C-alpha cells in the first residue's frame, strides 16, 4: 500500500518524478559502465571458444580421412551434451 502512495505522490509532483527518473538513469548508467566490459569480454571469449572448437573438429575430420578411421556413434549422453553445447554456442 505504501508503494502505491509513493507512486501517486510522484505522479502528483512532476519535479519529484523527474528527480527520481534522474536517479534511476544515473544508476542505469553506472551499472552499464560497470558491466559493459564484462559483456565485451564474454563475447570475445565465446568467439575464441567457437574458433577453437571449429579448428579441433576440422583437425579430427582430417585425421579421420588420413587414417581411414571413423568414430563410433555417439552415446545418448554424448548426443545430449552436443545438443546443449550447440544451443549455447549457435555460432558453431
N, C-alpha and C. Protein backbone atom coordinates (compact mmCIF):
# COMPACT_ATOMS: atom_id res chain seq x y z
N UNK A 1 0.83 -1.18 0.00
CA UNK A 1 0.00 0.00 0.00
C UNK A 1 0.87 1.25 0.00
N UNK A 2 1.97 1.19 0.75
CA UNK A 2 2.86 2.34 0.83
C UNK A 2 3.49 2.67 -0.51
N UNK A 3 3.84 1.65 -1.29
CA UNK A 3 4.42 1.86 -2.61
C UNK A 3 3.43 2.57 -3.53
N UNK A 4 2.16 2.21 -3.41
CA UNK A 4 1.14 2.87 -4.22
C UNK A 4 1.02 4.35 -3.87
N UNK A 5 1.12 4.66 -2.61
CA UNK A 5 1.07 6.06 -2.17
C UNK A 5 2.25 6.81 -2.77
N UNK A 6 3.44 6.22 -2.71
CA UNK A 6 4.62 6.86 -3.27
C UNK A 6 4.43 7.11 -4.77
N UNK A 7 3.86 6.17 -5.47
CA UNK A 7 3.62 6.34 -6.90
C UNK A 7 2.64 7.48 -7.15
N UNK A 8 1.62 7.54 -6.35
CA UNK A 8 0.64 8.62 -6.50
C UNK A 8 1.27 9.97 -6.22
N UNK A 9 2.10 10.02 -5.19
CA UNK A 9 2.78 11.27 -4.86
C UNK A 9 3.71 11.70 -6.00
N UNK A 10 4.40 10.73 -6.57
CA UNK A 10 5.29 11.04 -7.68
C UNK A 10 4.51 11.59 -8.88
N UNK A 11 3.35 11.01 -9.13
CA UNK A 11 2.54 11.46 -10.26
C UNK A 11 1.99 12.87 -10.02
N UNK A 12 1.73 13.18 -8.76
CA UNK A 12 1.19 14.50 -8.43
C UNK A 12 2.26 15.58 -8.52
N UNK A 13 3.48 15.20 -8.24
CA UNK A 13 4.57 16.18 -8.20
C UNK A 13 5.59 15.86 -9.30
N UNK A 14 5.48 16.51 -10.46
CA UNK A 14 6.37 16.23 -11.58
C UNK A 14 7.85 16.48 -11.27
N UNK A 15 8.15 17.42 -10.41
CA UNK A 15 9.55 17.71 -10.06
C UNK A 15 10.15 16.50 -9.34
N UNK A 16 9.42 15.95 -8.41
CA UNK A 16 9.88 14.76 -7.70
C UNK A 16 10.04 13.59 -8.67
N UNK A 17 9.11 13.46 -9.57
CA UNK A 17 9.18 12.40 -10.57
C UNK A 17 10.43 12.55 -11.42
N UNK A 18 10.72 13.74 -11.86
CA UNK A 18 11.92 13.98 -12.68
C UNK A 18 13.19 13.67 -11.89
N UNK A 19 13.19 14.01 -10.61
CA UNK A 19 14.36 13.70 -9.77
C UNK A 19 14.55 12.20 -9.65
N UNK A 20 13.44 11.49 -9.43
CA UNK A 20 13.51 10.03 -9.32
C UNK A 20 13.99 9.41 -10.63
N UNK A 21 13.48 9.92 -11.74
CA UNK A 21 13.92 9.41 -13.04
C UNK A 21 15.40 9.68 -13.27
N UNK A 22 15.87 10.81 -12.82
CA UNK A 22 17.28 11.16 -12.93
C UNK A 22 18.14 10.20 -12.12
N UNK A 23 17.68 9.85 -10.92
CA UNK A 23 18.40 8.90 -10.07
C UNK A 23 18.44 7.53 -10.76
N UNK A 24 17.31 7.12 -11.30
CA UNK A 24 17.24 5.82 -11.99
C UNK A 24 18.18 5.81 -13.19
N UNK A 25 18.18 6.88 -13.94
CA UNK A 25 19.06 6.99 -15.12
C UNK A 25 20.52 6.90 -14.69
N UNK A 26 20.87 7.58 -13.64
CA UNK A 26 22.24 7.56 -13.14
C UNK A 26 22.65 6.15 -12.71
N UNK A 27 21.77 5.47 -12.02
CA UNK A 27 22.05 4.08 -11.60
C UNK A 27 22.23 3.18 -12.81
N UNK A 28 21.37 3.35 -13.80
CA UNK A 28 21.48 2.54 -15.02
C UNK A 28 22.82 2.79 -15.70
N UNK A 29 23.21 4.05 -15.82
CA UNK A 29 24.47 4.38 -16.47
C UNK A 29 25.66 3.80 -15.72
N UNK A 30 25.59 3.84 -14.40
CA UNK A 30 26.66 3.26 -13.58
C UNK A 30 26.75 1.76 -13.80
N UNK A 31 25.61 1.08 -13.76
CA UNK A 31 25.61 -0.37 -13.99
C UNK A 31 26.07 -0.72 -15.40
N UNK A 32 25.62 0.05 -16.37
CA UNK A 32 26.02 -0.18 -17.76
C UNK A 32 27.54 -0.05 -17.89
N UNK A 33 28.09 1.01 -17.32
CA UNK A 33 29.53 1.23 -17.40
C UNK A 33 30.30 0.10 -16.71
N UNK A 34 29.74 -0.43 -15.64
CA UNK A 34 30.40 -1.50 -14.90
C UNK A 34 30.36 -2.82 -15.66
N UNK A 35 29.23 -3.12 -16.29
CA UNK A 35 29.06 -4.43 -16.92
C UNK A 35 29.37 -4.47 -18.41
N UNK A 36 29.52 -3.35 -19.05
CA UNK A 36 29.85 -3.32 -20.48
C UNK A 36 31.15 -4.08 -20.76
N UNK A 37 32.24 -3.81 -20.01
CA UNK A 37 33.47 -4.56 -20.27
C UNK A 37 33.30 -6.07 -20.06
N UNK A 38 32.49 -6.45 -19.10
CA UNK A 38 32.25 -7.87 -18.84
C UNK A 38 31.55 -8.50 -20.05
N UNK A 39 30.56 -7.81 -20.59
CA UNK A 39 29.83 -8.33 -21.75
C UNK A 39 30.75 -8.45 -22.96
N UNK A 40 31.61 -7.46 -23.16
CA UNK A 40 32.54 -7.49 -24.29
C UNK A 40 33.51 -8.66 -24.13
N UNK A 41 34.05 -8.83 -22.94
CA UNK A 41 34.98 -9.93 -22.69
C UNK A 41 34.30 -11.29 -22.86
N UNK A 42 33.06 -11.38 -22.41
CA UNK A 42 32.31 -12.64 -22.55
C UNK A 42 32.12 -12.97 -24.03
N UNK A 43 31.78 -11.96 -24.83
CA UNK A 43 31.58 -12.18 -26.26
C UNK A 43 32.89 -12.61 -26.95
N UNK A 44 33.99 -11.97 -26.57
CA UNK A 44 35.29 -12.33 -27.14
C UNK A 44 35.68 -13.75 -26.74
N UNK A 45 35.45 -14.10 -25.50
CA UNK A 45 35.77 -15.45 -25.03
C UNK A 45 34.95 -16.49 -25.77
N UNK A 46 33.67 -16.20 -25.96
CA UNK A 46 32.80 -17.12 -26.69
C UNK A 46 33.30 -17.30 -28.11
N UNK A 47 33.72 -16.22 -28.74
CA UNK A 47 34.25 -16.31 -30.11
C UNK A 47 35.51 -17.17 -30.16
N UNK A 48 36.40 -16.98 -29.18
CA UNK A 48 37.63 -17.79 -29.15
C UNK A 48 37.30 -19.26 -28.93
N UNK A 49 36.35 -19.55 -28.06
CA UNK A 49 35.96 -20.94 -27.82
C UNK A 49 35.41 -21.56 -29.10
N UNK A 50 34.53 -20.82 -29.78
CA UNK A 50 33.95 -21.33 -31.03
C UNK A 50 35.04 -21.58 -32.07
N UNK A 51 35.99 -20.67 -32.19
CA UNK A 51 37.08 -20.85 -33.16
C UNK A 51 37.91 -22.08 -32.81
N UNK A 52 38.20 -22.27 -31.53
CA UNK A 52 38.98 -23.42 -31.11
C UNK A 52 38.25 -24.72 -31.38
N UNK A 53 36.96 -24.75 -31.08
CA UNK A 53 36.16 -25.96 -31.32
C UNK A 53 36.11 -26.26 -32.82
N UNK A 54 35.91 -25.23 -33.63
CA UNK A 54 35.88 -25.44 -35.09
C UNK A 54 37.20 -25.98 -35.60
N UNK A 55 38.32 -25.42 -35.13
CA UNK A 55 39.64 -25.91 -35.55
C UNK A 55 39.83 -27.36 -35.13
N UNK A 56 39.42 -27.67 -33.91
CA UNK A 56 39.56 -29.03 -33.40
C UNK A 56 38.73 -30.01 -34.22
N UNK A 57 37.50 -29.62 -34.55
CA UNK A 57 36.64 -30.50 -35.34
C UNK A 57 37.23 -30.71 -36.74
N UNK A 58 37.76 -29.66 -37.34
CA UNK A 58 38.39 -29.80 -38.66
C UNK A 58 39.60 -30.71 -38.60
N UNK A 59 40.39 -30.57 -37.55
CA UNK A 59 41.58 -31.42 -37.39
C UNK A 59 41.18 -32.88 -37.23
N UNK A 60 40.15 -33.13 -36.46
CA UNK A 60 39.67 -34.50 -36.26
C UNK A 60 39.20 -35.09 -37.59
N UNK A 61 38.46 -34.31 -38.36
CA UNK A 61 37.97 -34.79 -39.65
C UNK A 61 39.13 -35.10 -40.61
N UNK A 62 40.14 -34.25 -40.62
CA UNK A 62 41.31 -34.51 -41.48
C UNK A 62 42.04 -35.77 -41.04
N UNK A 63 42.20 -35.95 -39.73
CA UNK A 63 42.87 -37.15 -39.22
C UNK A 63 42.07 -38.41 -39.56
N UNK A 64 40.74 -38.31 -39.47
CA UNK A 64 39.91 -39.46 -39.82
C UNK A 64 40.08 -39.84 -41.28
N UNK A 65 40.14 -38.83 -42.14
CA UNK A 65 40.32 -39.11 -43.58
C UNK A 65 41.68 -39.71 -43.86
N UNK A 66 42.72 -39.18 -43.20
CA UNK A 66 44.08 -39.67 -43.42
C UNK A 66 44.26 -41.10 -42.93
N UNK A 67 43.58 -41.45 -41.87
CA UNK A 67 43.77 -42.77 -41.28
C UNK A 67 42.65 -43.74 -41.64
N UNK A 68 41.68 -43.28 -42.40
CA UNK A 68 40.52 -44.10 -42.77
C UNK A 68 39.79 -44.65 -41.54
N UNK A 69 39.77 -43.87 -40.46
CA UNK A 69 39.07 -44.27 -39.25
C UNK A 69 37.79 -43.45 -39.12
N UNK A 70 36.82 -44.05 -38.49
CA UNK A 70 35.58 -43.34 -38.20
C UNK A 70 35.26 -43.52 -36.73
N UNK A 71 34.64 -42.50 -36.18
CA UNK A 71 34.23 -42.59 -34.78
C UNK A 71 32.99 -43.45 -34.65
N UNK A 72 32.89 -44.12 -33.53
CA UNK A 72 31.68 -44.88 -33.27
C UNK A 72 30.54 -43.88 -33.01
N UNK A 73 29.30 -44.30 -33.20
CA UNK A 73 28.17 -43.39 -32.96
C UNK A 73 28.19 -42.85 -31.53
N UNK A 74 27.67 -41.65 -31.36
CA UNK A 74 27.64 -41.03 -30.04
C UNK A 74 26.67 -41.76 -29.12
N UNK A 75 27.04 -41.78 -27.85
CA UNK A 75 26.12 -42.34 -26.85
C UNK A 75 25.01 -41.34 -26.61
N UNK A 76 23.98 -41.76 -25.89
CA UNK A 76 22.86 -40.87 -25.58
C UNK A 76 23.36 -39.64 -24.81
N UNK A 77 24.24 -39.87 -23.85
CA UNK A 77 24.78 -38.77 -23.05
C UNK A 77 25.58 -37.80 -23.91
N UNK A 78 26.37 -38.35 -24.84
CA UNK A 78 27.17 -37.50 -25.72
C UNK A 78 26.28 -36.67 -26.66
N UNK A 79 25.22 -37.29 -27.14
CA UNK A 79 24.28 -36.56 -28.00
C UNK A 79 23.63 -35.41 -27.23
N UNK A 80 23.21 -35.69 -25.99
CA UNK A 80 22.59 -34.65 -25.16
C UNK A 80 23.57 -33.52 -24.92
N UNK A 81 24.82 -33.86 -24.60
CA UNK A 81 25.84 -32.84 -24.35
C UNK A 81 26.09 -32.01 -25.61
N UNK A 82 26.13 -32.66 -26.77
CA UNK A 82 26.36 -31.96 -28.04
C UNK A 82 25.21 -31.01 -28.35
N UNK A 83 23.99 -31.46 -28.10
CA UNK A 83 22.82 -30.60 -28.32
C UNK A 83 22.85 -29.38 -27.41
N UNK A 84 23.18 -29.60 -26.15
CA UNK A 84 23.26 -28.48 -25.20
C UNK A 84 24.36 -27.51 -25.60
N UNK A 85 25.48 -28.06 -26.04
CA UNK A 85 26.60 -27.22 -26.46
C UNK A 85 26.20 -26.37 -27.67
N UNK A 86 25.54 -26.98 -28.64
CA UNK A 86 25.11 -26.24 -29.83
C UNK A 86 24.07 -25.18 -29.48
N UNK A 87 23.23 -25.47 -28.49
CA UNK A 87 22.23 -24.49 -28.07
C UNK A 87 22.91 -23.24 -27.50
N UNK A 88 23.96 -23.46 -26.70
CA UNK A 88 24.65 -22.33 -26.08
C UNK A 88 25.68 -21.69 -27.00
N UNK A 89 26.07 -22.40 -28.06
CA UNK A 89 27.07 -21.89 -28.99
C UNK A 89 26.53 -22.01 -30.42
N UNK A 90 25.50 -21.25 -30.76
CA UNK A 90 24.91 -21.38 -32.09
C UNK A 90 25.84 -20.98 -33.23
N UNK A 91 26.97 -20.32 -32.91
CA UNK A 91 27.89 -19.90 -33.95
C UNK A 91 28.65 -21.07 -34.56
N UNK A 92 28.59 -22.23 -33.92
CA UNK A 92 29.35 -23.38 -34.41
C UNK A 92 28.67 -24.02 -35.60
